[in-house]
Amino acid sequence: MHCIFATITPKPQYFKYAKKAILGILGATRKEEGCLQFDVHTNQSETQLFLYEQWQDESALEQHYQQDYTKQVFAAYQEWLAEPVEIKTMALLK
C-alpha cells in the first residue's frame, strides 16, 4: 500500500477555486483502479486543504497523476498556490 498526506496552501483569493477543483475530481479519483482512499479536508480557517490518499501501490498513484482531470488541477495550481504542495509519504504500521 502507498499512502500520502498532502498539504495544499492556496493564495487566499484562490482558496475557493482550489477547493472546488479538488472536490470536482473526488468522484473520478475514487473510481480509479488502485485508489483505496482519497479524502479531502480543510482547517477551521479554510486556508489550507489536506489530502489523505491510499493507493494500491506507487504505480496506481502515478496513473492518477496521468489523468487529464488531475493534470488540469495541477496546471491551475501554478497560479493558485502560495507555496508548493507538501507531500509526505507514509507507511502503515501494523
Protein backbone atom coordinates (compact mmCIF):
# COMPACT_ATOMS: atom_id res chain seq x y z
CA MET A 1 0.00 0.00 0.00
CA HIS A 2 1.19 3.52 -0.83
CA CYS A 3 -0.09 6.28 1.50
CA ILE A 4 0.41 10.00 1.16
CA PHE A 5 -0.61 13.11 3.06
CA ALA A 6 -0.58 16.32 1.02
CA THR A 7 -0.86 19.87 2.28
CA ILE A 8 -2.14 22.40 -0.25
CA THR A 9 -1.84 26.12 0.55
CA PRO A 10 -3.65 28.30 -1.99
CA LYS A 11 -3.31 32.07 -2.14
CA PRO A 12 -6.28 33.47 -0.16
CA GLN A 13 -8.06 34.77 -3.26
CA TYR A 14 -7.86 31.32 -4.90
CA PHE A 15 -8.87 29.12 -1.96
CA LYS A 16 -12.46 28.62 -3.15
CA TYR A 17 -11.24 27.73 -6.66
CA ALA A 18 -8.68 25.24 -5.35
CA LYS A 19 -11.30 23.67 -3.07
CA LYS A 20 -13.83 23.40 -5.91
CA ALA A 21 -11.21 21.91 -8.25
CA ILE A 22 -10.10 19.18 -5.85
CA LEU A 23 -13.67 18.34 -4.87
CA GLY A 24 -14.50 18.23 -8.57
CA ILE A 25 -12.13 15.30 -9.15
CA LEU A 26 -13.03 13.43 -5.96
CA GLY A 27 -15.55 11.04 -7.53
CA ALA A 28 -13.44 10.19 -10.58
CA THR A 29 -10.34 9.70 -8.45
CA ARG A 30 -12.12 7.35 -6.06
CA LYS A 31 -13.22 5.24 -9.04
CA GLU A 32 -9.68 4.84 -10.35
CA GLU A 33 -8.26 1.35 -10.28
CA GLY A 34 -5.81 1.19 -7.40
CA CYS A 35 -7.38 4.02 -5.38
CA LEU A 36 -8.18 2.70 -1.91
CA GLN A 37 -8.95 6.04 -0.23
CA PHE A 38 -8.93 9.69 -1.29
CA ASP A 39 -10.20 12.18 1.29
CA VAL A 40 -10.11 15.97 1.30
CA HIS A 41 -10.03 18.04 4.50
CA THR A 42 -9.58 21.70 5.40
CA ASN A 43 -8.57 23.57 8.53
CA GLN A 44 -11.05 25.67 10.53
CA SER A 45 -9.92 28.92 8.95
CA GLU A 46 -10.17 27.42 5.45
CA THR A 47 -6.69 28.48 4.43
CA GLN A 48 -5.34 25.05 3.56
CA LEU A 49 -6.53 21.80 2.04
CA PHE A 50 -5.27 18.40 3.13
CA LEU A 51 -5.44 15.18 1.15
CA TYR A 52 -5.17 11.76 2.69
CA GLU A 53 -4.67 9.16 0.00
CA GLN A 54 -4.17 5.40 -0.02
CA TRP A 55 -3.17 3.71 -3.25
CA GLN A 56 -2.67 0.06 -4.02
CA ASP A 57 0.92 0.86 -4.99
CA GLU A 58 3.08 3.68 -6.32
CA SER A 59 2.16 2.74 -9.88
CA ALA A 60 -1.53 3.43 -9.17
CA LEU A 61 -0.63 6.88 -7.84
CA GLU A 62 1.46 7.59 -10.94
CA GLN A 63 -1.54 6.59 -13.08
CA HIS A 64 -3.63 9.09 -11.12
CA TYR A 65 -1.14 11.84 -11.96
CA GLN A 66 -1.53 11.00 -15.66
CA GLN A 67 -5.32 11.52 -15.70
CA ASP A 68 -6.42 14.61 -17.65
CA TYR A 69 -8.52 15.88 -14.73
CA THR A 70 -5.54 15.63 -12.38
CA LYS A 71 -3.29 17.44 -14.85
CA GLN A 72 -5.88 20.23 -15.14
CA VAL A 73 -5.87 20.78 -11.37
CA PHE A 74 -2.06 20.74 -11.27
CA ALA A 75 -1.97 23.31 -14.10
CA ALA A 76 -4.36 25.61 -12.22
CA TYR A 77 -2.24 25.26 -9.08
CA GLN A 78 0.61 27.01 -10.90
CA GLU A 79 -1.30 30.28 -10.43
CA TRP A 80 -3.38 29.47 -7.36
CA LEU A 81 -0.84 28.21 -4.82
CA ALA A 82 1.03 30.32 -2.30
CA GLU A 83 3.67 27.58 -1.95
CA PRO A 84 4.40 24.19 -3.50
CA VAL A 85 2.25 21.25 -2.40
CA GLU A 86 3.89 19.47 0.52
CA ILE A 87 3.67 15.71 0.10
CA LYS A 88 4.58 13.25 2.83
CA THR A 89 4.78 9.57 2.00
CA MET A 90 3.77 7.35 4.88
CA ALA A 91 3.95 3.70 5.78
CA LEU A 92 1.19 1.99 7.74
CA LEU A 93 2.40 0.48 11.00
CA LYS A 94 0.95 -2.90 11.82
